[in-house]
């Protein structure tokens, strides 16, 4: 399995039978931005990472390609994410 953000996002889209357009609607993000992420043309912002982690229910490490462990083990993650989103 490739270990970069773009390849992980592509994998999650495929596994969930989602198009970039469908994902953009679900997480309220411009489809053009998602397409840029998929081609590795821009760095992803922290608030977008949080939306993706929550939507796909995977760990941030998995999404970034740092681990093959998908689970969100830490119960405090949502508390931290909530503070970052404010």
N, C-alpha and C. Protein backbone atom coordinates (compact mmCIF):
# COMPACT_ATOMS: atom_id res chain seq x y z
N UNK A 1 0.84 -1.19 0.00
CA UNK A 1 0.00 0.00 0.00
C UNK A 1 0.89 1.24 0.00
N UNK A 2 0.59 2.17 -0.89
CA UNK A 2 1.36 3.40 -0.92
C UNK A 2 1.12 4.19 0.35
N UNK A 3 2.12 5.01 0.68
CA UNK A 3 2.02 5.68 1.97
C UNK A 3 2.04 7.20 1.85
N UNK A 4 1.27 7.75 0.95
CA UNK A 4 1.12 9.19 0.96
C UNK A 4 -0.36 9.55 1.01
N UNK A 5 -0.60 10.81 1.35
CA UNK A 5 -1.97 11.26 1.54
C UNK A 5 -2.84 11.05 0.30
N UNK A 6 -2.33 11.41 -0.87
CA UNK A 6 -3.11 11.29 -2.10
C UNK A 6 -3.54 9.85 -2.36
N UNK A 7 -2.63 8.91 -2.18
CA UNK A 7 -2.99 7.51 -2.44
C UNK A 7 -3.97 6.99 -1.41
N UNK A 8 -3.85 7.43 -0.17
CA UNK A 8 -4.81 7.00 0.86
C UNK A 8 -6.19 7.58 0.60
N UNK A 9 -6.24 8.82 0.17
CA UNK A 9 -7.54 9.43 -0.13
C UNK A 9 -8.19 8.71 -1.31
N UNK A 10 -7.42 8.39 -2.32
CA UNK A 10 -7.95 7.63 -3.46
C UNK A 10 -8.50 6.28 -3.00
N UNK A 11 -7.76 5.60 -2.15
CA UNK A 11 -8.18 4.30 -1.63
C UNK A 11 -9.51 4.43 -0.88
N UNK A 12 -9.61 5.42 -0.02
CA UNK A 12 -10.84 5.59 0.75
C UNK A 12 -12.03 5.94 -0.14
N UNK A 13 -11.80 6.73 -1.15
CA UNK A 13 -12.88 7.03 -2.10
C UNK A 13 -13.34 5.76 -2.80
N UNK A 14 -12.39 4.96 -3.26
CA UNK A 14 -12.74 3.71 -3.95
C UNK A 14 -13.48 2.76 -3.02
N UNK A 15 -12.98 2.59 -1.81
CA UNK A 15 -13.61 1.66 -0.86
C UNK A 15 -15.04 2.07 -0.51
N UNK A 16 -15.29 3.37 -0.54
CA UNK A 16 -16.61 3.88 -0.17
C UNK A 16 -17.47 4.23 -1.39
N UNK A 17 -16.99 3.84 -2.57
CA UNK A 17 -17.71 4.12 -3.82
C UNK A 17 -18.15 5.57 -3.93
N UNK A 18 -17.20 6.46 -3.66
CA UNK A 18 -17.48 7.89 -3.72
C UNK A 18 -16.67 8.53 -4.82
N UNK A 19 -17.26 9.50 -5.46
CA UNK A 19 -16.53 10.33 -6.41
C UNK A 19 -16.01 11.55 -5.63
N UNK A 20 -15.04 12.25 -6.19
CA UNK A 20 -14.60 13.48 -5.53
C UNK A 20 -15.76 14.47 -5.32
N UNK A 21 -16.65 14.53 -6.29
CA UNK A 21 -17.81 15.43 -6.19
C UNK A 21 -18.70 15.04 -5.01
N UNK A 22 -18.97 13.74 -4.86
CA UNK A 22 -19.81 13.29 -3.75
C UNK A 22 -19.16 13.59 -2.41
N UNK A 23 -17.85 13.37 -2.33
CA UNK A 23 -17.14 13.68 -1.09
C UNK A 23 -17.19 15.17 -0.80
N UNK A 24 -17.02 15.97 -1.83
CA UNK A 24 -17.03 17.43 -1.63
C UNK A 24 -18.35 17.90 -1.03
N UNK A 25 -19.43 17.29 -1.46
CA UNK A 25 -20.75 17.65 -0.92
C UNK A 25 -20.86 17.21 0.54
N UNK A 26 -20.40 16.00 0.82
CA UNK A 26 -20.54 15.44 2.17
C UNK A 26 -19.70 16.19 3.20
N UNK A 27 -18.51 16.65 2.82
CA UNK A 27 -17.66 17.33 3.81
C UNK A 27 -17.60 18.85 3.58
N UNK A 28 -18.41 19.33 2.64
CA UNK A 28 -18.52 20.76 2.37
C UNK A 28 -17.17 21.39 2.01
N UNK A 29 -16.58 20.84 0.95
CA UNK A 29 -15.29 21.32 0.46
C UNK A 29 -15.36 21.37 -1.07
N UNK A 30 -14.76 22.36 -1.66
CA UNK A 30 -14.79 22.51 -3.12
C UNK A 30 -14.19 21.28 -3.80
N UNK A 31 -14.88 20.77 -4.80
CA UNK A 31 -14.43 19.57 -5.51
C UNK A 31 -13.07 19.80 -6.16
N UNK A 32 -12.79 21.02 -6.59
CA UNK A 32 -11.49 21.31 -7.21
C UNK A 32 -10.35 21.10 -6.21
N UNK A 33 -10.61 21.43 -4.95
CA UNK A 33 -9.60 21.23 -3.92
C UNK A 33 -9.34 19.74 -3.70
N UNK A 34 -10.39 18.96 -3.66
CA UNK A 34 -10.24 17.51 -3.49
C UNK A 34 -9.45 16.93 -4.65
N UNK A 35 -9.74 17.38 -5.87
CA UNK A 35 -9.00 16.89 -7.03
C UNK A 35 -7.52 17.26 -6.95
N UNK A 36 -7.22 18.42 -6.40
CA UNK A 36 -5.81 18.80 -6.20
C UNK A 36 -5.14 17.89 -5.18
N UNK A 37 -5.87 17.54 -4.13
CA UNK A 37 -5.32 16.61 -3.14
C UNK A 37 -5.03 15.26 -3.78
N UNK A 38 -5.92 14.81 -4.64
CA UNK A 38 -5.77 13.50 -5.27
C UNK A 38 -4.59 13.45 -6.23
N UNK A 39 -4.20 14.58 -6.74
CA UNK A 39 -3.04 14.62 -7.64
C UNK A 39 -1.78 15.11 -6.94
N UNK A 40 -1.88 15.28 -5.63
CA UNK A 40 -0.74 15.67 -4.81
C UNK A 40 -0.19 17.04 -5.21
N UNK A 41 -1.08 17.96 -5.65
CA UNK A 41 -0.65 19.27 -6.12
C UNK A 41 -0.63 20.31 -5.01
N UNK A 42 -1.31 20.05 -3.92
CA UNK A 42 -1.34 21.00 -2.79
C UNK A 42 -1.27 20.23 -1.49
N UNK A 43 -0.81 20.92 -0.46
CA UNK A 43 -0.81 20.32 0.88
C UNK A 43 -2.20 20.49 1.49
N UNK A 44 -2.58 19.50 2.26
CA UNK A 44 -3.91 19.52 2.87
C UNK A 44 -3.84 20.30 4.19
N UNK A 45 -4.87 21.09 4.44
CA UNK A 45 -4.95 21.89 5.67
C UNK A 45 -5.44 21.03 6.83
N UNK A 46 -5.10 21.46 8.02
CA UNK A 46 -5.48 20.74 9.23
C UNK A 46 -6.97 20.54 9.38
N UNK A 47 -7.76 21.58 9.10
CA UNK A 47 -9.21 21.45 9.26
C UNK A 47 -9.79 20.45 8.26
N UNK A 48 -9.19 20.38 7.09
CA UNK A 48 -9.65 19.41 6.09
C UNK A 48 -9.27 17.99 6.52
N UNK A 49 -8.08 17.83 7.07
CA UNK A 49 -7.68 16.51 7.59
C UNK A 49 -8.67 16.02 8.63
N UNK A 50 -9.08 16.91 9.50
CA UNK A 50 -10.02 16.54 10.56
C UNK A 50 -11.35 16.09 9.95
N UNK A 51 -11.84 16.83 8.96
CA UNK A 51 -13.09 16.44 8.29
C UNK A 51 -12.97 15.05 7.68
N UNK A 52 -11.84 14.78 7.04
CA UNK A 52 -11.65 13.49 6.38
C UNK A 52 -11.51 12.35 7.38
N UNK A 53 -10.77 12.57 8.45
CA UNK A 53 -10.61 11.56 9.50
C UNK A 53 -11.96 11.21 10.10
N UNK A 54 -12.75 12.22 10.38
CA UNK A 54 -14.07 11.98 10.95
C UNK A 54 -15.00 11.30 9.96
N UNK A 55 -15.01 11.77 8.72
CA UNK A 55 -15.92 11.20 7.74
C UNK A 55 -15.61 9.73 7.47
N UNK A 56 -14.33 9.41 7.24
CA UNK A 56 -13.95 8.04 6.91
C UNK A 56 -13.69 7.18 8.15
N UNK A 57 -13.70 7.80 9.32
CA UNK A 57 -13.47 7.10 10.58
C UNK A 57 -12.15 6.30 10.55
N UNK A 58 -11.09 7.00 10.17
CA UNK A 58 -9.75 6.41 10.16
C UNK A 58 -8.84 7.30 10.99
N UNK A 59 -7.68 6.76 11.34
CA UNK A 59 -6.72 7.55 12.10
C UNK A 59 -6.03 8.55 11.18
N UNK A 60 -5.57 9.61 11.78
CA UNK A 60 -4.81 10.60 11.03
C UNK A 60 -3.53 9.99 10.48
N UNK A 61 -2.89 9.14 11.25
CA UNK A 61 -1.67 8.47 10.78
C UNK A 61 -1.95 7.62 9.54
N UNK A 62 -3.09 6.94 9.52
CA UNK A 62 -3.44 6.16 8.34
C UNK A 62 -3.65 7.08 7.14
N UNK A 63 -4.42 8.14 7.34
CA UNK A 63 -4.74 9.05 6.25
C UNK A 63 -3.47 9.68 5.66
N UNK A 64 -2.51 9.96 6.51
CA UNK A 64 -1.26 10.57 6.04
C UNK A 64 -0.25 9.55 5.51
N UNK A 65 -0.59 8.27 5.65
CA UNK A 65 0.31 7.23 5.16
C UNK A 65 1.43 6.89 6.11
N UNK A 66 1.27 7.24 7.38
CA UNK A 66 2.31 6.98 8.37
C UNK A 66 2.13 5.63 9.05
N UNK A 67 0.95 5.04 8.89
CA UNK A 67 0.63 3.77 9.53
C UNK A 67 -0.41 3.05 8.69
N UNK A 68 -0.41 1.73 8.79
CA UNK A 68 -1.46 0.95 8.13
C UNK A 68 -2.62 0.67 9.08
N UNK A 69 -2.51 1.14 10.32
CA UNK A 69 -3.56 0.97 11.32
C UNK A 69 -4.61 2.05 11.12
N UNK A 70 -5.80 1.63 10.77
CA UNK A 70 -6.89 2.59 10.48
C UNK A 70 -7.61 3.09 11.72
N UNK A 71 -7.50 2.38 12.81
CA UNK A 71 -8.35 2.67 13.97
C UNK A 71 -8.01 3.99 14.64
N UNK A 72 -9.05 4.63 15.10
CA UNK A 72 -8.92 5.86 15.88
C UNK A 72 -8.98 5.43 17.34
N UNK A 73 -7.85 5.06 17.90
CA UNK A 73 -7.79 4.47 19.23
C UNK A 73 -7.99 5.46 20.37
N UNK A 74 -7.53 6.67 20.17
CA UNK A 74 -7.51 7.62 21.27
C UNK A 74 -8.86 8.30 21.44
N UNK A 75 -9.44 8.13 22.60
CA UNK A 75 -10.76 8.70 22.87
C UNK A 75 -10.71 10.23 22.89
N UNK A 76 -9.55 10.79 23.16
CA UNK A 76 -9.44 12.25 23.26
C UNK A 76 -9.31 12.92 21.90
N UNK A 77 -9.17 12.16 20.83
CA UNK A 77 -9.02 12.76 19.51
C UNK A 77 -10.15 13.73 19.18
N UNK A 78 -11.38 13.33 19.45
CA UNK A 78 -12.51 14.20 19.11
C UNK A 78 -12.47 15.49 19.92
N UNK A 79 -12.00 15.43 21.16
CA UNK A 79 -11.88 16.64 21.97
C UNK A 79 -10.82 17.56 21.37
N UNK A 80 -9.71 17.00 20.96
CA UNK A 80 -8.64 17.79 20.34
C UNK A 80 -9.13 18.38 19.03
N UNK A 81 -9.78 17.56 18.21
CA UNK A 81 -10.31 18.04 16.92
C UNK A 81 -11.31 19.18 17.13
N UNK A 82 -12.14 19.06 18.15
CA UNK A 82 -13.14 20.08 18.42
C UNK A 82 -12.45 21.41 18.74
N UNK A 83 -11.38 21.37 19.52
CA UNK A 83 -10.65 22.59 19.86
C UNK A 83 -10.00 23.20 18.63
N UNK A 84 -9.47 22.37 17.75
CA UNK A 84 -8.81 22.86 16.53
C UNK A 84 -9.82 23.49 15.60
N UNK A 85 -11.01 22.91 15.51
CA UNK A 85 -12.03 23.41 14.59
C UNK A 85 -12.58 24.77 14.99
N UNK A 86 -12.48 25.13 16.27
CA UNK A 86 -13.02 26.41 16.74
C UNK A 86 -12.27 27.58 16.23
